[in-house]
Amino acid sequence: MTLPGFYDTVKSLNQVVEVDYYLPGCPPPAKTVASAIDAISSGKLPKKGSVLGIEKSVCDECPRKKEEKKINKIYRVYEITPEPKNVF
């Protein structure tokens, strides 16, 4: 058994595959998941690519800069001390 190779970039899911619907949140609130299940079971889904739930998430409020990032090296937990600016 072998591990797959790593890529030098991180991409969001919709940059790799087509996404039918978005459930915002990390994790999405139970109420949002329940509403999505209700919409699926009743056949009352909006057009593909729609957001099922509120369109604002915790990520929208995060002060961290969203930009393309490259992974230069993977460290084990004991090998480095995180920089305070990179800690949540």
Protein backbone atom coordinates (compact mmCIF):
# COMPACT_ATOMS: atom_id res chain seq x y z
CA MET A 1 0.00 0.00 0.00
CA THR A 2 1.31 3.47 -0.86
CA LEU A 3 0.18 7.01 -0.20
CA PRO A 4 -0.75 9.19 -3.17
CA GLY A 5 1.52 12.08 -4.04
CA PHE A 6 0.89 15.57 -2.71
CA TYR A 7 0.14 18.59 -4.89
CA ASP A 8 1.88 21.91 -4.34
CA THR A 9 -1.43 23.83 -4.14
CA VAL A 10 -4.62 23.55 -2.14
CA LYS A 11 -7.88 23.99 -4.00
CA SER A 12 -11.48 24.34 -2.92
CA LEU A 13 -13.79 21.49 -3.87
CA ASN A 14 -15.52 23.46 -6.65
CA GLN A 15 -12.13 24.09 -8.29
CA VAL A 16 -11.74 20.32 -8.72
CA VAL A 17 -15.26 18.96 -9.34
CA GLU A 18 -18.67 20.38 -10.19
CA VAL A 19 -20.65 21.16 -7.03
CA ASP A 20 -24.44 20.87 -7.13
CA TYR A 21 -25.23 22.77 -3.91
CA TYR A 22 -23.37 24.53 -1.12
CA LEU A 23 -24.08 24.16 2.59
CA PRO A 24 -22.14 26.96 4.30
CA GLY A 25 -20.55 26.52 7.68
CA CYS A 26 -17.81 24.46 9.18
CA PRO A 27 -19.68 22.36 10.02
CA PRO A 28 -23.02 23.55 8.63
CA PRO A 29 -25.58 24.17 11.39
CA ALA A 30 -28.02 21.29 11.95
CA LYS A 31 -30.93 23.54 10.89
CA THR A 32 -29.25 24.18 7.52
CA VAL A 33 -28.62 20.46 6.96
CA ALA A 34 -32.24 19.65 7.89
CA SER A 35 -33.52 22.30 5.47
CA ALA A 36 -31.36 20.87 2.69
CA ILE A 37 -32.65 17.34 3.36
CA ASP A 38 -36.23 18.66 3.30
CA ALA A 39 -35.59 20.39 -0.04
CA ILE A 40 -34.08 17.22 -1.52
CA SER A 41 -36.87 14.95 -0.28
CA SER A 42 -39.62 17.31 -1.48
CA GLY A 43 -37.98 17.89 -4.87
CA LYS A 44 -37.98 21.66 -4.29
CA LEU A 45 -34.33 22.36 -5.00
CA PRO A 46 -33.12 25.63 -6.52
CA LYS A 47 -30.87 25.67 -9.58
CA LYS A 48 -27.53 23.88 -9.31
CA GLY A 49 -24.75 25.90 -7.74
CA SER A 50 -27.11 27.58 -5.26
CA VAL A 51 -26.35 28.03 -1.58
CA LEU A 52 -28.78 26.15 0.65
CA GLY A 53 -28.89 28.29 3.76
CA ILE A 54 -27.50 31.66 4.66
CA GLU A 55 -24.77 32.87 2.33
CA LYS A 56 -22.52 34.19 5.10
CA SER A 57 -20.19 31.87 6.97
CA VAL A 58 -17.49 32.12 9.62
CA CYS A 59 -14.93 32.24 6.80
CA ASP A 60 -16.49 35.51 5.56
CA GLU A 61 -15.65 37.13 8.90
CA CYS A 62 -12.13 35.72 9.14
CA PRO A 63 -9.42 38.41 9.01
CA ARG A 64 -6.94 36.06 7.31
CA LYS A 65 -6.07 36.95 3.74
CA LYS A 66 -7.56 34.57 1.16
CA GLU A 67 -5.02 33.94 -1.57
CA GLU A 68 -3.49 31.06 -3.46
CA LYS A 69 -1.01 29.33 -1.17
CA LYS A 70 1.69 26.80 -1.95
CA ILE A 71 2.85 24.07 0.39
CA ASN A 72 6.64 24.26 0.58
CA LYS A 73 7.19 21.62 3.22
CA ILE A 74 5.10 19.42 5.49
CA TYR A 75 6.18 19.45 9.13
CA ARG A 76 5.41 17.05 11.94
CA VAL A 77 3.76 18.65 14.98
CA TYR A 78 6.91 18.48 17.08
CA GLU A 79 9.17 20.02 14.40
CA ILE A 80 7.98 23.64 14.53
CA THR A 81 6.28 26.19 16.72
CA PRO A 82 3.45 28.01 14.90
CA GLU A 83 3.85 31.72 14.32
CA PRO A 84 1.23 33.68 16.32
CA LYS A 85 -0.05 35.44 13.18
CA ASN A 86 -0.94 32.05 11.64
CA VAL A 87 -2.84 30.71 14.65
CA PHE A 88 -6.62 31.00 14.72
